């Protein structure tokens, strides 16, 4: 999540989800990432 936050700060849009597996890990990642990612437009699929 921390590395993704660094990348997300420089992005205008972030797409999360294509090809993701391990539902438990995905849920934990979203909870750690999205509430702190205020800048880009988030697209979830």
ModelCIF file with pLDDT and N, C-alpha, C, O atoms, coordinates in Angstrom:
data_MODEL
#
_entry.id   MODEL 
#
_entity.id                         1 
_entity.type                       polymer 
_entity.pdbx_number_of_molecules   1 
#
_entity_poly.entity_id                      1 
_entity_poly.type                           'polypeptide(L)' 
_entity_poly.nstd_linkage                   no 
_entity_poly.nstd_monomer                   no 
_entity_poly.pdbx_seq_one_letter_code       
;(UNK)(UNK)(UNK)(UNK)(UNK)(UNK)(UNK)(UNK)(UNK)(UNK)(UNK)(UNK)(UNK)(UNK)(UNK)(UNK)
(UNK)(UNK)(UNK)(UNK)(UNK)(UNK)(UNK)(UNK)(UNK)(UNK)(UNK)(UNK)(UNK)(UNK)(UNK)(UNK)
(UNK)(UNK)(UNK)(UNK)(UNK)(UNK)(UNK)(UNK)(UNK)(UNK)(UNK)(UNK)(UNK)
;
_entity_poly.pdbx_seq_one_letter_code_can   XXXXXXXXXXXXXXXXXXXXXXXXXXXXXXXXXXXXXXXXXXXXX 
_entity_poly.pdbx_strand_id                 A 
#
loop_
_entity_poly_seq.entity_id 
_entity_poly_seq.num 
_entity_poly_seq.mon_id 
_entity_poly_seq.hetero 
1 1  UNK n 
1 2  UNK n 
1 3  UNK n 
1 4  UNK n 
1 5  UNK n 
1 6  UNK n 
1 7  UNK n 
1 8  UNK n 
1 9  UNK n 
1 10 UNK n 
1 11 UNK n 
1 12 UNK n 
1 13 UNK n 
1 14 UNK n 
1 15 UNK n 
1 16 UNK n 
1 17 UNK n 
1 18 UNK n 
1 19 UNK n 
1 20 UNK n 
1 21 UNK n 
1 22 UNK n 
1 23 UNK n 
1 24 UNK n 
1 25 UNK n 
1 26 UNK n 
1 27 UNK n 
1 28 UNK n 
1 29 UNK n 
1 30 UNK n 
1 31 UNK n 
1 32 UNK n 
1 33 UNK n 
1 34 UNK n 
1 35 UNK n 
1 36 UNK n 
1 37 UNK n 
1 38 UNK n 
1 39 UNK n 
1 40 UNK n 
1 41 UNK n 
1 42 UNK n 
1 43 UNK n 
1 44 UNK n 
1 45 UNK n 
#
_struct_asym.id          A 
_struct_asym.entity_id   1 
#
loop_
_ma_qa_metric.id 
_ma_qa_metric.mode 
_ma_qa_metric.name 
_ma_qa_metric.software_group_id 
_ma_qa_metric.type 
1 global pLDDT . pLDDT 
2 local  pLDDT . pLDDT 
#
_ma_qa_metric_global.metric_id      1 
_ma_qa_metric_global.metric_value   93.91 
_ma_qa_metric_global.model_id       1 
_ma_qa_metric_global.ordinal_id     1 
#
loop_
_ma_qa_metric_local.label_asym_id 
_ma_qa_metric_local.label_comp_id 
_ma_qa_metric_local.label_seq_id 
_ma_qa_metric_local.metric_id 
_ma_qa_metric_local.metric_value 
_ma_qa_metric_local.model_id 
_ma_qa_metric_local.ordinal_id 
A UNK 1  2 96.00 1 1  
A UNK 2  2 95.00 1 2  
A UNK 3  2 96.00 1 3  
A UNK 4  2 96.00 1 4  
A UNK 5  2 95.00 1 5  
A UNK 6  2 94.00 1 6  
A UNK 7  2 94.00 1 7  
A UNK 8  2 92.00 1 8  
A UNK 9  2 90.00 1 9  
A UNK 10 2 90.00 1 10 
A UNK 11 2 95.00 1 11 
A UNK 12 2 95.00 1 12 
A UNK 13 2 97.00 1 13 
A UNK 14 2 97.00 1 14 
A UNK 15 2 98.00 1 15 
A UNK 16 2 97.00 1 16 
A UNK 17 2 96.00 1 17 
A UNK 18 2 97.00 1 18 
A UNK 19 2 95.00 1 19 
A UNK 20 2 95.00 1 20 
A UNK 21 2 93.00 1 21 
A UNK 22 2 92.00 1 22 
A UNK 23 2 92.00 1 23 
A UNK 24 2 93.00 1 24 
A UNK 25 2 95.00 1 25 
A UNK 26 2 95.00 1 26 
A UNK 27 2 94.00 1 27 
A UNK 28 2 95.00 1 28 
A UNK 29 2 96.00 1 29 
A UNK 30 2 95.00 1 30 
A UNK 31 2 94.00 1 31 
A UNK 32 2 94.00 1 32 
A UNK 33 2 94.00 1 33 
A UNK 34 2 94.00 1 34 
A UNK 35 2 91.00 1 35 
A UNK 36 2 91.00 1 36 
A UNK 37 2 88.00 1 37 
A UNK 38 2 80.00 1 38 
A UNK 39 2 82.00 1 39 
A UNK 40 2 92.00 1 40 
A UNK 41 2 96.00 1 41 
A UNK 42 2 97.00 1 42 
A UNK 43 2 98.00 1 43 
A UNK 44 2 98.00 1 44 
A UNK 45 2 97.00 1 45 
#
loop_
_atom_site.group_PDB 
_atom_site.id 
_atom_site.type_symbol 
_atom_site.label_atom_id 
_atom_site.label_alt_id 
_atom_site.label_comp_id 
_atom_site.label_asym_id 
_atom_site.label_entity_id 
_atom_site.label_seq_id 
_atom_site.pdbx_PDB_ins_code 
_atom_site.Cartn_x 
_atom_site.Cartn_y 
_atom_site.Cartn_z 
_atom_site.occupancy 
_atom_site.B_iso_or_equiv 
_atom_site.pdbx_formal_charge 
_atom_site.auth_seq_id 
_atom_site.auth_comp_id 
_atom_site.auth_asym_id 
_atom_site.auth_atom_id 
_atom_site.pdbx_PDB_model_num 
ATOM 1   N N  . UNK A 1 1  ? 0.819   -1.218  0.000   1.00 96.00 ? 1  UNK A N  1 
ATOM 2   C CA . UNK A 1 1  ? 0.000   0.000   0.000   1.00 96.00 ? 1  UNK A CA 1 
ATOM 3   C C  . UNK A 1 1  ? 0.852   1.268   0.000   1.00 96.00 ? 1  UNK A C  1 
ATOM 4   O O  . UNK A 1 1  ? 0.530   2.224   -0.705  1.00 96.00 ? 1  UNK A O  1 
ATOM 5   N N  . UNK A 1 2  ? 1.936   1.290   0.780   1.00 95.00 ? 2  UNK A N  1 
ATOM 6   C CA . UNK A 1 2  ? 2.757   2.496   0.857   1.00 95.00 ? 2  UNK A CA 1 
ATOM 7   C C  . UNK A 1 2  ? 3.396   2.821   -0.492  1.00 95.00 ? 2  UNK A C  1 
ATOM 8   O O  . UNK A 1 2  ? 3.427   3.981   -0.903  1.00 95.00 ? 2  UNK A O  1 
ATOM 9   N N  . UNK A 1 3  ? 3.899   1.815   -1.171  1.00 96.00 ? 3  UNK A N  1 
ATOM 10  C CA . UNK A 1 3  ? 4.489   2.036   -2.505  1.00 96.00 ? 3  UNK A CA 1 
ATOM 11  C C  . UNK A 1 3  ? 3.424   2.513   -3.478  1.00 96.00 ? 3  UNK A C  1 
ATOM 12  O O  . UNK A 1 3  ? 3.689   3.382   -4.308  1.00 96.00 ? 3  UNK A O  1 
ATOM 13  N N  . UNK A 1 4  ? 2.239   1.963   -3.386  1.00 96.00 ? 4  UNK A N  1 
ATOM 14  C CA . UNK A 1 4  ? 1.171   2.381   -4.286  1.00 96.00 ? 4  UNK A CA 1 
ATOM 15  C C  . UNK A 1 4  ? 0.725   3.810   -3.990  1.00 96.00 ? 4  UNK A C  1 
ATOM 16  O O  . UNK A 1 4  ? 0.356   4.546   -4.906  1.00 96.00 ? 4  UNK A O  1 
ATOM 17  N N  . UNK A 1 5  ? 0.756   4.204   -2.733  1.00 95.00 ? 5  UNK A N  1 
ATOM 18  C CA . UNK A 1 5  ? 0.436   5.593   -2.410  1.00 95.00 ? 5  UNK A CA 1 
ATOM 19  C C  . UNK A 1 5  ? 1.443   6.547   -3.037  1.00 95.00 ? 5  UNK A C  1 
ATOM 20  O O  . UNK A 1 5  ? 1.061   7.612   -3.523  1.00 95.00 ? 5  UNK A O  1 
ATOM 21  N N  . UNK A 1 6  ? 2.716   6.186   -3.034  1.00 94.00 ? 6  UNK A N  1 
ATOM 22  C CA . UNK A 1 6  ? 3.745   7.013   -3.669  1.00 94.00 ? 6  UNK A CA 1 
ATOM 23  C C  . UNK A 1 6  ? 3.462   7.167   -5.162  1.00 94.00 ? 6  UNK A C  1 
ATOM 24  O O  . UNK A 1 6  ? 3.546   8.265   -5.712  1.00 94.00 ? 6  UNK A O  1 
ATOM 25  N N  . UNK A 1 7  ? 3.127   6.062   -5.800  1.00 94.00 ? 7  UNK A N  1 
ATOM 26  C CA . UNK A 1 7  ? 2.825   6.112   -7.227  1.00 94.00 ? 7  UNK A CA 1 
ATOM 27  C C  . UNK A 1 7  ? 1.541   6.882   -7.488  1.00 94.00 ? 7  UNK A C  1 
ATOM 28  O O  . UNK A 1 7  ? 1.456   7.662   -8.437  1.00 94.00 ? 7  UNK A O  1 
ATOM 29  N N  . UNK A 1 8  ? 0.537   6.660   -6.637  1.00 92.00 ? 8  UNK A N  1 
ATOM 30  C CA . UNK A 1 8  ? -0.758  7.296   -6.830  1.00 92.00 ? 8  UNK A CA 1 
ATOM 31  C C  . UNK A 1 8  ? -0.711  8.801   -6.691  1.00 92.00 ? 8  UNK A C  1 
ATOM 32  O O  . UNK A 1 8  ? -1.514  9.499   -7.311  1.00 92.00 ? 8  UNK A O  1 
ATOM 33  N N  . UNK A 1 9  ? 0.208   9.322   -5.893  1.00 90.00 ? 9  UNK A N  1 
ATOM 34  C CA . UNK A 1 9  ? 0.327   10.768  -5.723  1.00 90.00 ? 9  UNK A CA 1 
ATOM 35  C C  . UNK A 1 9  ? 0.691   11.461  -7.026  1.00 90.00 ? 9  UNK A C  1 
ATOM 36  O O  . UNK A 1 9  ? 0.395   12.642  -7.203  1.00 90.00 ? 9  UNK A O  1 
ATOM 37  N N  . UNK A 1 10 ? 1.324   10.747  -7.928  1.00 90.00 ? 10 UNK A N  1 
ATOM 38  C CA . UNK A 1 10 ? 1.743   11.326  -9.199  1.00 90.00 ? 10 UNK A CA 1 
ATOM 39  C C  . UNK A 1 10 ? 0.740   11.060  -10.321 1.00 90.00 ? 10 UNK A C  1 
ATOM 40  O O  . UNK A 1 10 ? 0.922   11.539  -11.440 1.00 90.00 ? 10 UNK A O  1 
ATOM 41  N N  . UNK A 1 11 ? -0.305  10.307  -10.032 1.00 95.00 ? 11 UNK A N  1 
ATOM 42  C CA . UNK A 1 11 ? -1.245  9.896   -11.072 1.00 95.00 ? 11 UNK A CA 1 
ATOM 43  C C  . UNK A 1 11 ? -2.484  10.788  -11.094 1.00 95.00 ? 11 UNK A C  1 
ATOM 44  O O  . UNK A 1 11 ? -2.863  11.382  -10.085 1.00 95.00 ? 11 UNK A O  1 
ATOM 45  N N  . UNK A 1 12 ? -3.102  10.865  -12.268 1.00 95.00 ? 12 UNK A N  1 
ATOM 46  C CA . UNK A 1 12 ? -4.391  11.549  -12.408 1.00 95.00 ? 12 UNK A CA 1 
ATOM 47  C C  . UNK A 1 12 ? -5.556  10.580  -12.277 1.00 95.00 ? 12 UNK A C  1 
ATOM 48  O O  . UNK A 1 12 ? -6.662  10.977  -11.910 1.00 95.00 ? 12 UNK A O  1 
ATOM 49  N N  . UNK A 1 13 ? -5.308  9.315   -12.576 1.00 97.00 ? 13 UNK A N  1 
ATOM 50  C CA . UNK A 1 13 ? -6.331  8.277   -12.433 1.00 97.00 ? 13 UNK A CA 1 
ATOM 51  C C  . UNK A 1 13 ? -5.650  6.985   -12.024 1.00 97.00 ? 13 UNK A C  1 
ATOM 52  O O  . UNK A 1 13 ? -4.561  6.665   -12.500 1.00 97.00 ? 13 UNK A O  1 
ATOM 53  N N  . UNK A 1 14 ? -6.302  6.246   -11.138 1.00 97.00 ? 14 UNK A N  1 
ATOM 54  C CA . UNK A 1 14 ? -5.801  4.948   -10.684 1.00 97.00 ? 14 UNK A CA 1 
ATOM 55  C C  . UNK A 1 14 ? -6.889  3.908   -10.904 1.00 97.00 ? 14 UNK A C  1 
ATOM 56  O O  . UNK A 1 14 ? -8.006  4.053   -10.407 1.00 97.00 ? 14 UNK A O  1 
ATOM 57  N N  . UNK A 1 15 ? -6.562  2.872   -11.642 1.00 98.00 ? 15 UNK A N  1 
ATOM 58  C CA . UNK A 1 15 ? -7.471  1.750   -11.865 1.00 98.00 ? 15 UNK A CA 1 
ATOM 59  C C  . UNK A 1 15 ? -7.027  0.586   -11.005 1.00 98.00 ? 15 UNK A C  1 
ATOM 60  O O  . UNK A 1 15 ? -5.878  0.151   -11.079 1.00 98.00 ? 15 UNK A O  1 
ATOM 61  N N  . UNK A 1 16 ? -7.944  0.078   -10.182 1.00 97.00 ? 16 UNK A N  1 
ATOM 62  C CA . UNK A 1 16 ? -7.655  -1.058  -9.318  1.00 97.00 ? 16 UNK A CA 1 
ATOM 63  C C  . UNK A 1 16 ? -8.603  -2.208  -9.639  1.00 97.00 ? 16 UNK A C  1 
ATOM 64  O O  . UNK A 1 16 ? -9.812  -2.009  -9.761  1.00 97.00 ? 16 UNK A O  1 
ATOM 65  N N  . UNK A 1 17 ? -8.047  -3.414  -9.777  1.00 96.00 ? 17 UNK A N  1 
ATOM 66  C CA . UNK A 1 17 ? -8.911  -4.579  -9.866  1.00 96.00 ? 17 UNK A CA 1 
ATOM 67  C C  . UNK A 1 17 ? -8.685  -5.561  -10.981 1.00 96.00 ? 17 UNK A C  1 
ATOM 68  O O  . UNK A 1 17 ? -8.871  -6.756  -10.753 1.00 96.00 ? 17 UNK A O  1 
ATOM 69  N N  . UNK A 1 18 ? -8.291  -5.144  -12.195 1.00 97.00 ? 18 UNK A N  1 
ATOM 70  C CA . UNK A 1 18 ? -8.193  -6.129  -13.276 1.00 97.00 ? 18 UNK A CA 1 
ATOM 71  C C  . UNK A 1 18 ? -7.231  -7.266  -12.950 1.00 97.00 ? 18 UNK A C  1 
ATOM 72  O O  . UNK A 1 18 ? -6.064  -7.035  -12.635 1.00 97.00 ? 18 UNK A O  1 
ATOM 73  N N  . UNK A 1 19 ? -7.728  -8.481  -13.028 1.00 95.00 ? 19 UNK A N  1 
ATOM 74  C CA . UNK A 1 19 ? -6.889  -9.652  -12.810 1.00 95.00 ? 19 UNK A CA 1 
ATOM 75  C C  . UNK A 1 19 ? -6.513  -9.918  -11.373 1.00 95.00 ? 19 UNK A C  1 
ATOM 76  O O  . UNK A 1 19 ? -5.683  -10.791 -11.118 1.00 95.00 ? 19 UNK A O  1 
ATOM 77  N N  . UNK A 1 20 ? -7.092  -9.199  -10.413 1.00 95.00 ? 20 UNK A N  1 
ATOM 78  C CA . UNK A 1 20 ? -6.717  -9.409  -9.014  1.00 95.00 ? 20 UNK A CA 1 
ATOM 79  C C  . UNK A 1 20 ? -7.318  -10.702 -8.470  1.00 95.00 ? 20 UNK A C  1 
ATOM 80  O O  . UNK A 1 20 ? -8.445  -11.066 -8.805  1.00 95.00 ? 20 UNK A O  1 
ATOM 81  N N  . UNK A 1 21 ? -6.546  -11.394 -7.622  1.00 93.00 ? 21 UNK A N  1 
ATOM 82  C CA . UNK A 1 21 ? -7.022  -12.576 -6.917  1.00 93.00 ? 21 UNK A CA 1 
ATOM 83  C C  . UNK A 1 21 ? -6.713  -12.413 -5.438  1.00 93.00 ? 21 UNK A C  1 
ATOM 84  O O  . UNK A 1 21 ? -6.096  -11.427 -5.035  1.00 93.00 ? 21 UNK A O  1 
ATOM 85  N N  . UNK A 1 22 ? -7.142  -13.381 -4.625  1.00 92.00 ? 22 UNK A N  1 
ATOM 86  C CA . UNK A 1 22 ? -6.961  -13.376 -3.170  1.00 92.00 ? 22 UNK A CA 1 
ATOM 87  C C  . UNK A 1 22 ? -7.822  -12.273 -2.555  1.00 92.00 ? 22 UNK A C  1 
ATOM 88  O O  . UNK A 1 22 ? -7.335  -11.194 -2.220  1.00 92.00 ? 22 UNK A O  1 
ATOM 89  N N  . UNK A 1 23 ? -9.105  -12.572 -2.417  1.00 92.00 ? 23 UNK A N  1 
ATOM 90  C CA . UNK A 1 23 ? -10.075 -11.570 -1.963  1.00 92.00 ? 23 UNK A CA 1 
ATOM 91  C C  . UNK A 1 23 ? -9.703  -10.940 -0.621  1.00 92.00 ? 23 UNK A C  1 
ATOM 92  O O  . UNK A 1 23 ? -9.887  -9.739  -0.423  1.00 92.00 ? 23 UNK A O  1 
ATOM 93  N N  . UNK A 1 24 ? -9.188  -11.738 0.284   1.00 93.00 ? 24 UNK A N  1 
ATOM 94  C CA . UNK A 1 24 ? -8.830  -11.201 1.606   1.00 93.00 ? 24 UNK A CA 1 
ATOM 95  C C  . UNK A 1 24 ? -7.726  -10.157 1.484   1.00 93.00 ? 24 UNK A C  1 
ATOM 96  O O  . UNK A 1 24 ? -7.788  -9.106  2.121   1.00 93.00 ? 24 UNK A O  1 
ATOM 97  N N  . UNK A 1 25 ? -6.720  -10.445 0.668   1.00 95.00 ? 25 UNK A N  1 
ATOM 98  C CA . UNK A 1 25 ? -5.624  -9.505  0.471   1.00 95.00 ? 25 UNK A CA 1 
ATOM 99  C C  . UNK A 1 25 ? -6.099  -8.250  -0.252  1.00 95.00 ? 25 UNK A C  1 
ATOM 100 O O  . UNK A 1 25 ? -5.666  -7.145  0.073   1.00 95.00 ? 25 UNK A O  1 
ATOM 101 N N  . UNK A 1 26 ? -6.983  -8.415  -1.225  1.00 95.00 ? 26 UNK A N  1 
ATOM 102 C CA . UNK A 1 26 ? -7.510  -7.252  -1.946  1.00 95.00 ? 26 UNK A CA 1 
ATOM 103 C C  . UNK A 1 26 ? -8.255  -6.331  -0.990  1.00 95.00 ? 26 UNK A C  1 
ATOM 104 O O  . UNK A 1 26 ? -8.088  -5.112  -1.037  1.00 95.00 ? 26 UNK A O  1 
ATOM 105 N N  . UNK A 1 27 ? -9.075  -6.915  -0.126  1.00 94.00 ? 27 UNK A N  1 
ATOM 106 C CA . UNK A 1 27 ? -9.814  -6.114  0.839   1.00 94.00 ? 27 UNK A CA 1 
ATOM 107 C C  . UNK A 1 27 ? -8.890  -5.334  1.759   1.00 94.00 ? 27 UNK A C  1 
ATOM 108 O O  . UNK A 1 27 ? -9.124  -4.154  2.020   1.00 94.00 ? 27 UNK A O  1 
ATOM 109 N N  . UNK A 1 28 ? -7.846  -5.981  2.251   1.00 95.00 ? 28 UNK A N  1 
ATOM 110 C CA . UNK A 1 28 ? -6.890  -5.310  3.131   1.00 95.00 ? 28 UNK A CA 1 
ATOM 111 C C  . UNK A 1 28 ? -6.152  -4.203  2.393   1.00 95.00 ? 28 UNK A C  1 
ATOM 112 O O  . UNK A 1 28 ? -5.881  -3.145  2.960   1.00 95.00 ? 28 UNK A O  1 
ATOM 113 N N  . UNK A 1 29 ? -5.830  -4.448  1.134   1.00 96.00 ? 29 UNK A N  1 
ATOM 114 C CA . UNK A 1 29 ? -5.136  -3.433  0.337   1.00 96.00 ? 29 UNK A CA 1 
ATOM 115 C C  . UNK A 1 29 ? -6.030  -2.208  0.119   1.00 96.00 ? 29 UNK A C  1 
ATOM 116 O O  . UNK A 1 29 ? -5.567  -1.076  0.253   1.00 96.00 ? 29 UNK A O  1 
ATOM 117 N N  . UNK A 1 30 ? -7.278  -2.423  -0.208  1.00 95.00 ? 30 UNK A N  1 
ATOM 118 C CA . UNK A 1 30 ? -8.197  -1.299  -0.420  1.00 95.00 ? 30 UNK A CA 1 
ATOM 119 C C  . UNK A 1 30 ? -8.366  -0.482  0.853   1.00 95.00 ? 30 UNK A C  1 
ATOM 120 O O  . UNK A 1 30 ? -8.377  0.748   0.807   1.00 95.00 ? 30 UNK A O  1 
ATOM 121 N N  . UNK A 1 31 ? -8.496  -1.154  1.976   1.00 94.00 ? 31 UNK A N  1 
ATOM 122 C CA . UNK A 1 31 ? -8.671  -0.438  3.249   1.00 94.00 ? 31 UNK A CA 1 
ATOM 123 C C  . UNK A 1 31 ? -7.437  0.383   3.611   1.00 94.00 ? 31 UNK A C  1 
ATOM 124 O O  . UNK A 1 31 ? -7.550  1.445   4.224   1.00 94.00 ? 31 UNK A O  1 
ATOM 125 N N  . UNK A 1 32 ? -6.269  -0.106  3.236   1.00 94.00 ? 32 UNK A N  1 
ATOM 126 C CA . UNK A 1 32 ? -5.035  0.615   3.537   1.00 94.00 ? 32 UNK A CA 1 
ATOM 127 C C  . UNK A 1 32 ? -4.756  1.728   2.538   1.00 94.00 ? 32 UNK A C  1 
ATOM 128 O O  . UNK A 1 32 ? -4.078  2.702   2.864   1.00 94.00 ? 32 UNK A O  1 
ATOM 129 N N  . UNK A 1 33 ? -5.270  1.588   1.337   1.00 94.00 ? 33 UNK A N  1 
ATOM 130 C CA . UNK A 1 33 ? -4.911  2.493   0.246   1.00 94.00 ? 33 UNK A CA 1 
ATOM 131 C C  . UNK A 1 33 ? -5.936  3.595   -0.008  1.00 94.00 ? 33 UNK A C  1 
ATOM 132 O O  . UNK A 1 33 ? -5.592  4.777   0.010   1.00 94.00 ? 33 UNK A O  1 
ATOM 133 N N  . UNK A 1 34 ? -7.175  3.222   -0.241  1.00 94.00 ? 34 UNK A N  1 
ATOM 134 C CA . UNK A 1 34 ? -8.159  4.186   -0.741  1.00 94.00 ? 34 UNK A CA 1 
ATOM 135 C C  . UNK A 1 34 ? -8.441  5.350   0.213   1.00 94.00 ? 34 UNK A C  1 
ATOM 136 O O  . UNK A 1 34 ? -8.532  6.485   -0.254  1.00 94.00 ? 34 UNK A O  1 
ATOM 137 N N  . UNK A 1 35 ? -8.584  5.130   1.522   1.00 91.00 ? 35 UNK A N  1 
ATOM 138 C CA . UNK A 1 35 ? -8.884  6.279   2.384   1.00 91.00 ? 35 UNK A CA 1 
ATOM 139 C C  . UNK A 1 35 ? -7.785  7.347   2.395   1.00 91.00 ? 35 UNK A C  1 
ATOM 140 O O  . UNK A 1 35 ? -8.035  8.481   2.805   1.00 91.00 ? 35 UNK A O  1 
ATOM 141 N N  . UNK A 1 36 ? -6.594  7.007   1.956   1.00 91.00 ? 36 UNK A N  1 
ATOM 142 C CA . UNK A 1 36 ? -5.469  7.946   1.960   1.00 91.00 ? 36 UNK A CA 1 
ATOM 143 C C  . UNK A 1 36 ? -5.122  8.449   0.563   1.00 91.00 ? 36 UNK A C  1 
ATOM 144 O O  . UNK A 1 36 ? -4.180  9.224   0.400   1.00 91.00 ? 36 UNK A O  1 
ATOM 145 N N  . UNK A 1 37 ? -5.867  8.017   -0.435  1.00 88.00 ? 37 UNK A N  1 
ATOM 146 C CA . UNK A 1 37 ? -5.551  8.361   -1.827  1.00 88.00 ? 37 UNK A CA 1 
ATOM 147 C C  . UNK A 1 37 ? -6.559  9.398   -2.323  1.00 88.00 ? 37 UNK A C  1 
ATOM 148 O O  . UNK A 1 37 ? -7.496  9.061   -3.046  1.00 88.00 ? 37 UNK A O  1 
ATOM 149 N N  . UNK A 1 38 ? -6.366  10.644  -1.940  1.00 80.00 ? 38 UNK A N  1 
ATOM 150 C CA . UNK A 1 38 ? -7.374  11.660  -2.237  1.00 80.00 ? 38 UNK A CA 1 
ATOM 151 C C  . UNK A 1 38 ? -7.209  12.302  -3.608  1.00 80.00 ? 38 UNK A C  1 
ATOM 152 O O  . UNK A 1 38 ? -8.178  12.852  -4.132  1.00 80.00 ? 38 UNK A O  1 
ATOM 153 N N  . UNK A 1 39 ? -6.030  12.255  -4.206  1.00 82.00 ? 39 UNK A N  1 
ATOM 154 C CA . UNK A 1 39 ? -5.750  13.046  -5.397  1.00 82.00 ? 39 UNK A CA 1 
ATOM 155 C C  . UNK A 1 39 ? -6.363  12.487  -6.690  1.00 82.00 ? 39 UNK A C  1 
ATOM 156 O O  . UNK A 1 39 ? -7.173  13.177  -7.309  1.00 82.00 ? 39 UNK A O  1 
ATOM 157 N N  . UNK A 1 40 ? -6.013  11.271  -7.121  1.00 92.00 ? 40 UNK A N  1 
ATOM 158 C CA . UNK A 1 40 ? -6.466  10.824  -8.442  1.00 92.00 ? 40 UNK A CA 1 
ATOM 159 C C  . UNK A 1 40 ? -7.917  10.341  -8.446  1.00 92.00 ? 40 UNK A C  1 
ATOM 160 O O  . UNK A 1 40 ? -8.491  10.038  -7.400  1.00 92.00 ? 40 UNK A O  1 
ATOM 161 N N  . UNK A 1 41 ? -8.492  10.278  -9.643  1.00 96.00 ? 41 UNK A N  1 
ATOM 162 C CA . UNK A 1 41 ? -9.779  9.614   -9.816  1.00 96.00 ? 41 UNK A CA 1 
ATOM 163 C C  . UNK A 1 41 ? -9.558  8.113   -9.707  1.00 96.00 ? 41 UNK A C  1 
ATOM 164 O O  . UNK A 1 41 ? -8.701  7.560   -10.395 1.00 96.00 ? 41 UNK A O  1 
ATOM 165 N N  . UNK A 1 42 ? -10.323 7.452   -8.849  1.00 97.00 ? 42 UNK A N  1 
ATOM 166 C CA . UNK A 1 42 ? -10.202 6.004   -8.661  1.00 97.00 ? 42 UNK A CA 1 
ATOM 167 C C  . UNK A 1 42 ? -11.247 5.290   -9.502  1.00 97.00 ? 42 UNK A C  1 
ATOM 168 O O  . UNK A 1 42 ? -12.426 5.643   -9.471  1.00 97.00 ? 42 UNK A O  1 
ATOM 169 N N  . UNK A 1 43 ? -10.816 4.290   -10.247 1.00 98.00 ? 43 UNK A N  1 
ATOM 170 C CA . UNK A 1 43 ? -11.705 3.433   -11.028 1.00 98.00 ? 43 UNK A CA 1 
ATOM 171 C C  . UNK A 1 43 ? -11.544 2.026   -10.484 1.00 98.00 ? 43 UNK A C  1 
ATOM 172 O O  . UNK A 1 43 ? -10.429 1.507   -10.426 1.00 98.00 ? 43 UNK A O  1 
ATOM 173 N N  . UNK A 1 44 ? -12.648 1.400   -10.082 1.00 98.00 ? 44 UNK A N  1 
ATOM 174 C CA . UNK A 1 44 ? -12.592 0.070   -9.479  1.00 98.00 ? 44 UNK A CA 1 
ATOM 175 C C  . UNK A 1 44 ? -13.366 -0.920  -10.322 1.00 98.00 ? 44 UNK A C  1 
ATOM 176 O O  . UNK A 1 44 ? -14.503 -0.668  -10.719 1.00 98.00 ? 44 UNK A O  1 
ATOM 177 N N  . UNK A 1 45 ? -12.733 -2.052  -10.589 1.00 97.00 ? 45 UNK A N  1 
ATOM 178 C CA . UNK A 1 45 ? -13.321 -3.074  -11.447 1.00 97.00 ? 45 UNK A CA 1 
ATOM 179 C C  . UNK A 1 45 ? -12.957 -4.447  -10.891 1.00 97.00 ? 45 UNK A C  1 
ATOM 180 O O  . UNK A 1 45 ? -13.349 -5.467  -11.460 1.00 97.00 ? 45 UNK A O  1 
#
